[in-house]
């Protein structure tokens, strides 16, 4: 009978080490002594790989807070331009007074003064904002806004730890892929701009539950995430088409019912007792004109012609539906069933690319999905470089537009270039993910013989419905003509 130490070593050796597979990871490891050797013990009782990833994520989040210090100390309160030139803008302190939290108004129930009559965020995000307001101490309005940002930052740091842990645990044998999230520069820079990390954390937890074959928990978490931000509902699309190909209708039905149920639990009380305030998020999203970061803005600025909001809404919706349908067709015709994380990344990326607004913190939606869909440092860093350039570009452009005759900052043409860089970076990552789907032997996650570590009930399942070339033998989803031959067990066999 093997000793506990022997068992521990066996488990350690089963963990995929990026420094042995990824040249960028290997080069980066030189900063801490080089890649791990044959007898390296990965993790310990005190610090496992998951724990290490979480600590790194928290450390990077803290560095992001430090980057906001110029604004925290003075720039938020002394004119608009300084918070842009220092690239440290955040919605959080401004909305403390702007959405009635300073006066003790109740979100969705109490009407706000000014043009924005009610809070324009989904209900669960509004609850998050209200809880932070309850913990904000009194003082001058500046002191309250500073404290409100700090309280929110503390709560968002907890969300960051949840995201890091969930991503590191979703692929059982690849916990170190969580470092892609932990070390993502765009994550640190945008984490405290808004409240998006709440929805991102719930979505990451949902992905973990799906990977553990818990469709009900997945559905409940997706419903809660959708109650905080709209984009998580798109993950039900990949789940549907993958379950269609694998014939897992019961599991998808359970997930869908769980999502609808949890969303209703959060939203129904506000829908019933404050319907006008509840629908503000949806009417605001529909009525919102073309805004920063979208290719729509580039078109209007380059042509000098405005586009009707209704036209943008219609075209964006049709484009989203059409591209998601194309992803569905790709799923049913791919030579091997795509991994759930790959499709999740693609559908959220589609939503971002065709939307009429792209706020810099929206990159947070994609970072955990990208780490699971394409855990390759080169591609990830190319995309992140584009996002960092966009992050700097939007603030320099706003500095330019608020500097009056001084024209300090980035002119319109420069900002358009930043938008194009963001679009090209996202499209590049989409392209390599699609290539991995069409050429599964290029997928780094599957090189060790794995099928879909994030797939849960789909992992190792046989195909039931396929189209095109995928309809020809072999029908097994895990089949590969190259690489090691393995016996495919159930997900629990890990």
Protein backbone atom coordinates (compact mmCIF):
# COMPACT_ATOMS: atom_id res chain seq x y z
CA UNK A 1 0.00 0.00 0.00
CA UNK A 2 1.56 3.36 -1.00
CA UNK A 3 2.40 5.83 1.70
CA UNK A 4 0.75 9.23 1.95
CA UNK A 5 3.92 10.82 0.63
CA UNK A 6 3.99 8.53 -2.40
CA UNK A 7 0.36 9.37 -3.13
CA UNK A 8 1.11 13.08 -2.80
CA UNK A 9 3.99 12.86 -5.25
CA UNK A 10 1.80 10.94 -7.73
CA UNK A 11 -0.87 13.63 -7.53
CA UNK A 12 1.70 16.38 -7.97
CA UNK A 13 3.10 14.76 -11.09
CA UNK A 14 -0.38 14.67 -12.61
CA UNK A 15 -0.54 18.47 -12.52
CA UNK A 16 0.33 20.13 -15.82
CA UNK A 17 3.27 22.50 -15.41
CA UNK A 18 3.08 25.46 -17.83
CA UNK A 19 6.84 26.06 -17.61
CA UNK A 20 7.34 22.69 -19.36
CA UNK A 21 4.82 23.41 -22.14
CA UNK A 22 4.78 27.17 -22.70
CA UNK A 23 7.92 29.02 -23.77
CA UNK A 24 6.65 32.34 -22.38
CA UNK A 25 5.90 30.75 -19.00
CA UNK A 26 9.33 29.10 -19.03
CA UNK A 27 11.04 32.43 -19.76
CA UNK A 28 9.01 34.23 -17.12
CA UNK A 29 9.88 31.60 -14.51
CA UNK A 30 13.52 32.75 -14.69
CA UNK A 31 12.50 35.64 -12.45
CA UNK A 32 11.86 33.15 -9.63
CA UNK A 33 14.68 30.70 -10.30
CA UNK A 34 13.61 28.94 -13.49
CA UNK A 35 11.12 26.23 -14.32
CA UNK A 36 10.38 23.42 -11.88
CA UNK A 37 12.58 20.34 -11.99
CA UNK A 38 11.77 16.67 -11.95
CA UNK A 39 11.63 16.34 -8.17
CA UNK A 40 9.97 19.66 -7.42
CA UNK A 41 7.10 19.38 -4.96
CA UNK A 42 4.20 21.47 -6.26
CA UNK A 43 2.38 23.00 -3.35
CA UNK A 44 2.29 21.99 0.28
CA UNK A 45 -0.17 21.74 3.10
CA UNK A 46 0.30 25.48 3.65
CA UNK A 47 0.32 26.75 0.06
CA UNK A 48 -1.21 24.78 -2.80
CA UNK A 49 -1.17 25.95 -6.43
CA UNK A 50 -4.70 27.27 -5.99
CA UNK A 51 -3.66 29.18 -2.89
CA UNK A 52 -0.66 30.62 -4.67
CA UNK A 53 -2.83 31.80 -7.56
CA UNK A 54 -5.27 33.45 -5.15
CA UNK A 55 -2.47 35.26 -3.30
CA UNK A 56 -1.00 36.55 -6.55
CA UNK A 57 -4.44 37.75 -7.67
CA UNK A 58 -4.97 39.62 -4.40
CA UNK A 59 -1.50 41.14 -4.68
CA UNK A 60 -2.18 42.37 -8.21
CA UNK A 61 -5.56 43.75 -7.10
CA UNK A 62 -3.74 45.68 -4.36
CA UNK A 63 -1.34 47.10 -6.95
CA UNK A 64 -4.37 48.21 -8.94
CA UNK A 65 -5.60 50.05 -5.86
CA UNK A 66 -2.23 51.76 -5.54
CA UNK A 67 -2.54 52.87 -9.17
CA UNK A 68 -5.76 54.68 -8.16
CA UNK A 69 -4.05 56.65 -5.34
CA UNK A 70 -3.74 59.96 -7.24
CA UNK A 71 -7.49 59.94 -7.77
CA UNK A 72 -8.25 58.74 -4.25
CA UNK A 73 -6.17 61.55 -2.74
CA UNK A 74 -7.37 64.43 -4.89
CA UNK A 75 -8.08 63.91 -8.60
CA UNK A 76 -11.65 62.62 -8.15
CA UNK A 77 -12.55 65.84 -6.36
CA UNK A 78 -10.64 68.58 -8.25
CA UNK A 79 -11.98 68.74 -11.76
CA UNK A 80 -12.50 66.06 -14.36
CA UNK A 81 -9.23 66.28 -16.29
CA UNK A 82 -6.82 65.07 -13.61
CA UNK A 83 -8.52 61.71 -13.11
CA UNK A 84 -8.13 61.09 -16.83
CA UNK A 85 -4.51 62.20 -17.17
CA UNK A 86 -3.62 59.90 -14.25
CA UNK A 87 -5.73 57.08 -15.77
CA UNK A 88 -7.32 56.37 -12.40
CA UNK A 89 -11.00 57.14 -13.01
CA UNK A 90 -13.67 55.11 -11.18
CA UNK A 91 -17.47 55.27 -11.27
CA UNK A 92 -17.70 54.16 -7.66
CA UNK A 93 -17.03 57.42 -5.75
CA UNK A 94 -18.97 59.57 -8.22
CA UNK A 95 -22.10 57.42 -8.06
CA UNK A 96 -22.14 57.46 -4.26
CA UNK A 97 -23.65 60.93 -4.40
CA UNK A 98 -24.91 60.77 -7.97
CA UNK A 99 -27.24 57.82 -7.30
CA UNK A 100 -28.56 58.90 -3.94
CA UNK A 101 -26.53 56.70 -1.58
CA UNK A 102 -25.15 59.76 0.21
CA UNK A 103 -28.73 60.88 0.97
CA UNK A 104 -29.84 57.42 2.06
CA UNK A 105 -32.18 56.88 -0.91
CA UNK A 106 -33.23 53.29 -1.56
CA UNK A 107 -32.24 52.00 -5.03
CA UNK A 108 -35.15 51.37 -7.43
CA UNK A 109 -37.74 52.57 -4.92
CA UNK A 110 -36.74 56.22 -4.44
CA UNK A 111 -36.71 58.58 -7.39
CA UNK A 112 -33.40 60.36 -8.01
CA UNK A 113 -33.03 64.05 -8.79
CA UNK A 114 -31.79 64.91 -12.27
CA UNK A 115 -32.06 63.11 -15.60
CA UNK A 116 -31.33 59.61 -14.26
CA UNK A 117 -34.52 59.02 -12.30
CA UNK A 118 -33.58 55.55 -10.97
CA UNK A 119 -30.47 53.45 -10.52
CA UNK A 120 -29.50 52.07 -13.95
CA UNK A 121 -27.89 48.83 -12.75
CA UNK A 122 -29.35 45.30 -12.42
CA UNK A 123 -30.86 44.43 -9.07
CA UNK A 124 -28.06 42.33 -7.57
CA UNK A 125 -25.49 45.00 -8.42
CA UNK A 126 -27.76 47.54 -6.76
CA UNK A 127 -27.86 45.37 -3.64
CA UNK A 128 -24.06 45.19 -3.69
CA UNK A 129 -23.84 48.98 -3.94
CA UNK A 130 -26.35 49.44 -1.12
CA UNK A 131 -24.51 47.05 1.21
CA UNK A 132 -21.30 49.01 0.63
CA UNK A 133 -23.18 52.23 1.43
CA UNK A 134 -24.35 50.78 4.75
CA UNK A 135 -20.72 50.19 5.74
CA UNK A 136 -19.60 53.67 4.68
CA UNK A 137 -18.96 55.95 7.69
CA UNK A 138 -20.04 59.55 7.89
CA UNK A 139 -17.98 62.71 7.39
CA UNK A 140 -17.62 65.23 4.60
CA UNK A 141 -18.82 64.20 1.17
CA UNK A 142 -15.22 63.70 0.03
CA UNK A 143 -14.45 61.51 3.03
CA UNK A 144 -17.60 59.48 2.41
CA UNK A 145 -16.76 58.99 -1.25
CA UNK A 146 -13.25 57.87 -0.36
CA UNK A 147 -14.59 55.47 2.25
CA UNK A 148 -17.26 54.19 -0.16
CA UNK A 149 -14.58 53.36 -2.74
CA UNK A 150 -12.49 51.60 -0.08
CA UNK A 151 -15.43 49.52 1.14
CA UNK A 152 -16.31 48.54 -2.41
CA UNK A 153 -12.66 47.74 -3.13
CA UNK A 154 -12.60 45.40 -0.15
CA UNK A 155 -15.73 43.61 -1.34
CA UNK A 156 -14.40 43.44 -4.91
CA UNK A 157 -11.14 41.99 -3.59
CA UNK A 158 -13.16 39.10 -2.16
CA UNK A 159 -14.70 38.66 -5.62
CA UNK A 160 -11.17 38.62 -7.07
CA UNK A 161 -10.12 35.81 -4.74
CA UNK A 162 -13.25 33.84 -5.69
CA UNK A 163 -12.48 34.29 -9.39
CA UNK A 164 -8.87 33.17 -8.96
CA UNK A 165 -9.82 30.07 -6.97
CA UNK A 166 -12.62 29.07 -9.34
CA UNK A 167 -10.52 29.46 -12.48
CA UNK A 168 -7.61 27.55 -10.91
CA UNK A 169 -9.91 24.69 -9.91
CA UNK A 170 -12.07 24.44 -13.05
CA UNK A 171 -9.43 22.46 -14.95
CA UNK A 172 -8.33 19.98 -12.29
CA UNK A 173 -4.92 19.23 -13.79
CA UNK A 174 -4.15 22.81 -14.83
CA UNK A 175 -4.41 24.96 -11.69
CA UNK A 176 -1.51 27.16 -12.77
CA UNK A 177 -3.59 28.49 -15.66
CA UNK A 178 -5.21 30.65 -13.01
CA UNK A 179 -2.07 32.80 -13.10
CA UNK A 180 -3.28 34.15 -16.43
CA UNK A 181 -6.11 35.78 -14.52
CA UNK A 182 -4.05 36.70 -11.48
CA UNK A 183 -1.32 38.42 -13.50
CA UNK A 184 -3.50 39.98 -16.20
CA UNK A 185 -2.54 43.68 -16.28
CA UNK A 186 -5.97 44.74 -17.55
CA UNK A 187 -7.56 43.00 -14.56
CA UNK A 188 -5.55 45.04 -12.05
CA UNK A 189 -6.13 48.30 -13.94
CA UNK A 190 -9.92 47.96 -14.32
CA UNK A 191 -10.97 45.98 -11.22
CA UNK A 192 -12.26 48.99 -9.25
CA UNK A 193 -13.69 51.09 -12.07
CA UNK A 194 -17.16 49.62 -11.59
CA UNK A 195 -18.93 46.67 -9.98
CA UNK A 196 -18.43 44.12 -12.80
CA UNK A 197 -16.36 41.75 -10.64
CA UNK A 198 -19.49 40.64 -8.79
CA UNK A 199 -20.96 39.15 -11.98
CA UNK A 200 -17.55 37.84 -13.05
CA UNK A 201 -17.12 36.01 -9.72
CA UNK A 202 -20.57 34.43 -9.92
CA UNK A 203 -19.88 33.38 -13.52
CA UNK A 204 -16.51 31.86 -12.58
CA UNK A 205 -18.20 29.94 -9.77
CA UNK A 206 -20.85 28.74 -12.24
CA UNK A 207 -18.12 27.49 -14.60
CA UNK A 208 -16.57 25.57 -11.71
CA UNK A 209 -19.91 23.98 -10.83
CA UNK A 210 -20.48 22.94 -14.44
CA UNK A 211 -17.03 21.35 -14.54
CA UNK A 212 -18.00 19.34 -11.45
CA UNK A 213 -21.18 18.00 -13.13
CA UNK A 214 -23.53 20.11 -10.99
CA UNK A 215 -25.93 21.62 -13.54
CA UNK A 216 -28.39 22.91 -10.93
CA UNK A 217 -25.69 24.85 -9.06
CA UNK A 218 -24.41 26.10 -12.41
CA UNK A 219 -27.87 27.34 -13.37
CA UNK A 220 -28.50 29.03 -10.02
CA UNK A 221 -25.17 30.87 -10.22
CA UNK A 222 -25.76 31.91 -13.83
CA UNK A 223 -29.14 33.29 -12.82
CA UNK A 224 -27.56 35.26 -9.98
CA UNK A 225 -24.79 36.50 -12.25
CA UNK A 226 -27.38 37.65 -14.79
CA UNK A 227 -29.14 39.50 -11.98
CA UNK A 228 -25.87 41.42 -11.56
CA UNK A 229 -24.92 41.89 -15.25
CA UNK A 230 -26.57 40.83 -18.49
CA UNK A 231 -23.72 38.98 -20.22
CA UNK A 232 -23.67 35.74 -18.12
CA UNK A 233 -27.00 34.62 -19.62
CA UNK A 234 -25.16 34.05 -22.90
CA UNK A 235 -23.40 31.04 -21.35
CA UNK A 236 -26.66 29.13 -21.54
CA UNK A 237 -26.27 29.16 -25.33
CA UNK A 238 -23.05 27.08 -25.38
CA UNK A 239 -24.50 24.77 -22.74
CA UNK A 240 -27.58 24.24 -24.95
CA UNK A 241 -25.76 23.42 -28.18
CA UNK A 242 -23.15 21.22 -26.46
CA UNK A 243 -25.88 19.30 -24.63
CA UNK A 244 -27.69 18.99 -27.96
CA UNK A 245 -24.64 17.38 -29.54
CA UNK A 246 -24.13 15.09 -26.54
CA UNK A 247 -27.82 14.39 -25.90
CA UNK A 248 -27.67 15.76 -22.35
CA UNK A 249 -31.12 17.35 -22.37
CA UNK A 250 -31.93 16.61 -18.76
CA UNK A 251 -28.79 18.35 -17.52
CA UNK A 252 -29.43 21.42 -19.66
CA UNK A 253 -33.06 21.61 -18.54
CA UNK A 254 -32.01 21.52 -14.90
CA UNK A 255 -29.46 24.28 -15.52
CA UNK A 256 -31.94 26.47 -17.40
CA UNK A 257 -34.63 26.09 -14.74
CA UNK A 258 -32.10 26.88 -12.02
CA UNK A 259 -31.04 30.04 -13.87
CA UNK A 260 -34.60 31.26 -14.36
CA UNK A 261 -35.52 30.47 -10.76
CA UNK A 262 -32.60 32.26 -9.12
CA UNK A 263 -32.98 35.28 -11.41
CA UNK A 264 -36.64 35.54 -10.45
CA UNK A 265 -35.90 35.21 -6.73
CA UNK A 266 -33.67 38.29 -6.94
CA UNK A 267 -35.70 40.35 -9.38
CA UNK A 268 -39.33 39.51 -8.62
CA UNK A 269 -39.66 41.55 -5.37
CA UNK A 270 -38.35 44.68 -7.10
CA UNK A 271 -40.39 43.97 -10.23
CA UNK A 272 -43.57 43.81 -8.15
CA UNK A 273 -43.02 46.64 -5.67
CA UNK A 274 -40.88 49.04 -7.76
CA UNK A 275 -41.55 48.23 -11.43
CA UNK A 276 -40.51 51.63 -12.74
CA UNK A 277 -37.17 51.49 -10.97
CA UNK A 278 -36.60 47.85 -11.88
CA UNK A 279 -36.99 48.38 -15.62
CA UNK A 280 -34.60 51.37 -15.69
CA UNK A 281 -31.60 49.16 -16.48
CA UNK A 282 -33.36 47.69 -19.51
CA UNK A 283 -34.79 50.95 -20.83
CA UNK A 284 -31.45 52.71 -20.30
CA UNK A 285 -29.62 49.96 -22.21
CA UNK A 286 -32.10 50.24 -25.06
CA UNK A 287 -32.13 54.05 -25.22
CA UNK A 288 -28.40 54.54 -24.71
CA UNK A 289 -26.76 56.12 -27.73
CA UNK A 290 -23.49 55.05 -29.37
CA UNK A 291 -20.79 55.41 -26.76
CA UNK A 292 -17.08 54.94 -26.09
CA UNK A 293 -15.11 51.96 -27.32
CA UNK A 294 -17.42 50.59 -30.02
CA UNK A 295 -16.78 50.31 -33.73
CA UNK A 296 -20.04 52.23 -34.10
CA UNK A 297 -18.30 55.27 -32.60
CA UNK A 298 -15.45 54.96 -35.10
CA UNK A 299 -17.97 54.88 -37.96
CA UNK A 300 -19.85 57.97 -36.77
CA UNK A 301 -16.67 59.91 -36.07
CA UNK A 302 -15.08 59.02 -39.40
CA UNK A 303 -18.18 59.72 -41.49
CA UNK A 304 -19.55 62.61 -39.48
CA UNK A 305 -23.01 61.05 -39.76
CA UNK A 306 -25.12 60.03 -36.78
CA UNK A 307 -26.87 56.67 -36.63
CA UNK A 308 -30.28 56.23 -35.07
CA UNK A 309 -30.24 54.31 -31.79
CA UNK A 310 -33.04 52.05 -33.01
CA UNK A 311 -30.95 51.14 -36.06
CA UNK A 312 -27.92 50.34 -33.92
CA UNK A 313 -30.03 48.22 -31.57
CA UNK A 314 -31.53 46.26 -34.46
CA UNK A 315 -28.27 45.67 -36.29
CA UNK A 316 -26.41 44.75 -33.09
CA UNK A 317 -29.11 42.28 -32.10
CA UNK A 318 -29.20 40.67 -35.55
CA UNK A 319 -25.41 40.50 -35.67
CA UNK A 320 -25.26 38.89 -32.23
CA UNK A 321 -27.91 36.32 -33.16
CA UNK A 322 -26.24 35.58 -36.49
CA UNK A 323 -22.76 35.16 -35.02
CA UNK A 324 -24.05 33.01 -32.15
CA UNK A 325 -25.86 30.85 -34.72
CA UNK A 326 -22.53 30.51 -36.56
CA UNK A 327 -20.90 29.40 -33.29
CA UNK A 328 -23.70 26.86 -32.88
CA UNK A 329 -23.08 25.54 -36.38
CA UNK A 330 -19.37 25.34 -35.64
CA UNK A 331 -20.16 23.33 -32.52
CA UNK A 332 -22.26 20.77 -34.38
CA UNK A 333 -19.84 20.40 -37.29
CA UNK A 334 -16.47 20.52 -35.49
CA UNK A 335 -14.42 17.30 -35.80
CA UNK A 336 -14.46 17.00 -32.02
CA UNK A 337 -16.96 18.53 -29.65
CA UNK A 338 -15.61 21.95 -28.57
CA UNK A 339 -14.82 22.58 -24.95
CA UNK A 340 -17.41 24.52 -22.95
CA UNK A 341 -14.93 27.27 -22.03
CA UNK A 342 -14.08 27.84 -25.69
CA UNK A 343 -17.69 28.49 -26.64
CA UNK A 344 -18.33 30.57 -23.52
CA UNK A 345 -15.46 32.86 -24.49
CA UNK A 346 -16.65 33.17 -28.08
CA UNK A 347 -20.25 34.10 -27.30
CA UNK A 348 -19.28 36.75 -24.73
CA UNK A 349 -16.65 38.12 -27.13
CA UNK A 350 -19.32 38.40 -29.83
CA UNK A 351 -21.56 40.36 -27.49
CA UNK A 352 -18.70 42.74 -26.68
CA UNK A 353 -17.58 43.21 -30.29
CA UNK A 354 -20.96 44.21 -31.70
CA UNK A 355 -22.20 46.21 -28.72
CA UNK A 356 -22.70 49.97 -29.01
CA UNK A 357 -20.50 50.65 -25.99
CA UNK A 358 -17.30 49.15 -24.62
CA UNK A 359 -16.34 50.42 -21.19
CA UNK A 360 -12.74 49.54 -20.25
CA UNK A 361 -13.85 47.30 -17.37
CA UNK A 362 -15.73 45.02 -19.77
CA UNK A 363 -12.43 43.23 -20.36
CA UNK A 364 -13.02 41.63 -16.94
CA UNK A 365 -15.84 39.58 -18.46
CA UNK A 366 -13.44 37.88 -20.85
CA UNK A 367 -10.28 37.38 -18.79
CA UNK A 368 -11.37 34.25 -16.84
CA UNK A 369 -12.99 32.77 -19.94
CA UNK A 370 -9.89 33.45 -22.02
CA UNK A 371 -7.68 31.76 -19.42
CA UNK A 372 -9.81 28.61 -19.71
CA UNK A 373 -10.40 28.76 -23.45
CA UNK A 374 -6.83 29.43 -24.60
CA UNK A 375 -4.32 29.03 -21.73
CA UNK A 376 -1.35 30.11 -23.81
CA UNK A 377 0.72 33.01 -22.51
CA UNK A 378 1.77 34.40 -25.91
CA UNK A 379 -1.78 34.80 -27.21
CA UNK A 380 -3.08 35.99 -23.86
CA UNK A 381 -0.41 38.70 -23.55
CA UNK A 382 -0.92 39.92 -27.12
CA UNK A 383 -4.59 40.44 -26.30
CA UNK A 384 -3.79 42.03 -22.94
CA UNK A 385 -1.36 44.46 -24.57
CA UNK A 386 -4.15 45.63 -26.87
CA UNK A 387 -6.51 46.06 -23.90
CA UNK A 388 -3.95 48.04 -21.88
CA UNK A 389 -3.45 50.34 -24.87
CA UNK A 390 -7.21 50.84 -25.03
CA UNK A 391 -7.32 51.51 -21.28
CA UNK A 392 -4.75 54.28 -21.67
CA UNK A 393 -6.34 55.50 -24.88
CA UNK A 394 -9.80 56.18 -23.50
CA UNK A 395 -8.51 58.17 -20.53
CA UNK A 396 -6.13 60.21 -22.68
CA UNK A 397 -8.96 60.89 -25.10
CA UNK A 398 -11.22 62.06 -22.29
CA UNK A 399 -8.38 64.23 -21.02
CA UNK A 400 -8.17 65.74 -24.52
CA UNK A 401 -11.91 66.43 -24.70
CA UNK A 402 -11.97 68.06 -21.24
CA UNK A 403 -8.80 70.16 -21.60
CA UNK A 404 -10.46 72.91 -23.61
CA UNK A 405 -8.15 74.91 -25.84
CA UNK A 406 -5.06 73.27 -24.33
CA UNK A 407 -5.77 70.02 -26.21
CA UNK A 408 -3.77 67.91 -23.77
CA UNK A 409 -4.17 64.21 -24.34
CA UNK A 410 -5.04 61.91 -27.23
CA UNK A 411 -6.92 63.41 -30.21
CA UNK A 412 -9.85 61.70 -31.88
CA UNK A 413 -7.75 59.85 -34.47
CA UNK A 414 -5.53 58.41 -31.75
CA UNK A 415 -8.54 57.20 -29.79
CA UNK A 416 -9.95 55.56 -32.90
CA UNK A 417 -6.66 53.68 -33.25
CA UNK A 418 -7.00 52.52 -29.62
CA UNK A 419 -10.50 51.21 -30.37
CA UNK A 420 -9.21 49.35 -33.44
CA UNK A 421 -6.43 47.81 -31.34
CA UNK A 422 -9.00 46.54 -28.82
CA UNK A 423 -11.14 45.09 -31.59
CA UNK A 424 -8.19 43.45 -33.34
CA UNK A 425 -6.83 41.98 -30.10
CA UNK A 426 -10.19 40.42 -29.25
CA UNK A 427 -10.65 39.13 -32.79
CA UNK A 428 -7.17 37.61 -32.71
CA UNK A 429 -7.96 35.64 -29.57
CA UNK A 430 -11.29 34.56 -31.07
CA UNK A 431 -9.44 33.38 -34.17
CA UNK A 432 -7.01 31.15 -32.28
CA UNK A 433 -9.88 29.68 -30.24
CA UNK A 434 -11.80 28.89 -33.43
CA UNK A 435 -8.63 27.35 -34.88
CA UNK A 436 -8.33 25.13 -31.79
CA UNK A 437 -11.91 24.00 -32.33
CA UNK A 438 -11.33 23.17 -36.00
CA UNK A 439 -7.90 21.66 -35.28
CA UNK A 440 -8.27 20.11 -31.79
CA UNK A 441 -4.72 18.79 -31.92
CA UNK A 442 -3.62 22.44 -31.50
CA UNK A 443 -5.59 22.81 -28.27
CA UNK A 444 -3.08 22.91 -25.40
CA UNK A 445 -5.67 21.68 -22.90
CA UNK A 446 -6.17 18.46 -24.86
CA UNK A 447 -2.51 17.62 -25.42
CA UNK A 448 -2.43 15.33 -22.38
CA UNK A 449 -5.41 13.32 -23.68
CA UNK A 450 -8.09 15.29 -21.86
CA UNK A 451 -11.47 15.82 -23.48
CA UNK A 452 -13.20 18.77 -21.79
CA UNK A 453 -12.05 19.40 -18.19
CA UNK A 454 -14.57 22.25 -17.88
CA UNK A 455 -17.36 20.22 -19.47
CA UNK A 456 -18.68 18.31 -16.48
CA UNK A 457 -21.34 15.93 -17.80
CA UNK A 458 -19.99 16.55 -21.31
CA UNK A 459 -16.47 15.42 -20.48
CA UNK A 460 -15.87 12.14 -22.32
CA UNK A 461 -19.50 11.85 -23.45
CA UNK A 462 -20.30 10.41 -26.86
CA UNK A 463 -21.89 12.46 -29.62
CA UNK A 464 -25.59 11.96 -30.32
CA UNK A 465 -26.25 14.66 -32.92
CA UNK A 466 -23.60 16.05 -35.30
CA UNK A 467 -23.54 17.58 -38.78
CA UNK A 468 -21.17 17.65 -41.74
CA UNK A 469 -17.80 15.92 -41.43
CA UNK A 470 -18.40 15.32 -37.74
CA UNK A 471 -21.22 12.94 -38.72
CA UNK A 472 -18.72 10.38 -40.01
CA UNK A 473 -17.00 7.82 -37.76
CA UNK A 474 -15.46 7.92 -35.27
CA UNK A 475 -18.40 9.35 -33.33
CA UNK A 476 -16.71 9.61 -29.95
CA UNK A 477 -16.19 13.20 -28.83
CA UNK A 478 -12.80 12.40 -27.33
CA UNK A 479 -11.32 10.75 -30.41
CA UNK A 480 -7.98 12.00 -31.67
CA UNK A 481 -5.79 10.61 -34.42
CA UNK A 482 -2.58 11.91 -32.89
CA UNK A 483 -1.17 11.87 -29.40
CA UNK A 484 -1.40 9.25 -26.69
CA UNK A 485 -4.21 6.72 -26.72
CA UNK A 486 -6.12 6.73 -23.47
CA UNK A 487 -9.11 5.04 -21.96
CA UNK A 488 -11.77 7.65 -21.43
CA UNK A 489 -13.39 7.46 -18.04
CA UNK A 490 -16.00 9.55 -16.38
CA UNK A 491 -15.11 13.04 -15.08
CA UNK A 492 -15.11 11.64 -11.55
CA UNK A 493 -12.16 9.45 -12.46
CA UNK A 494 -9.88 12.48 -12.09
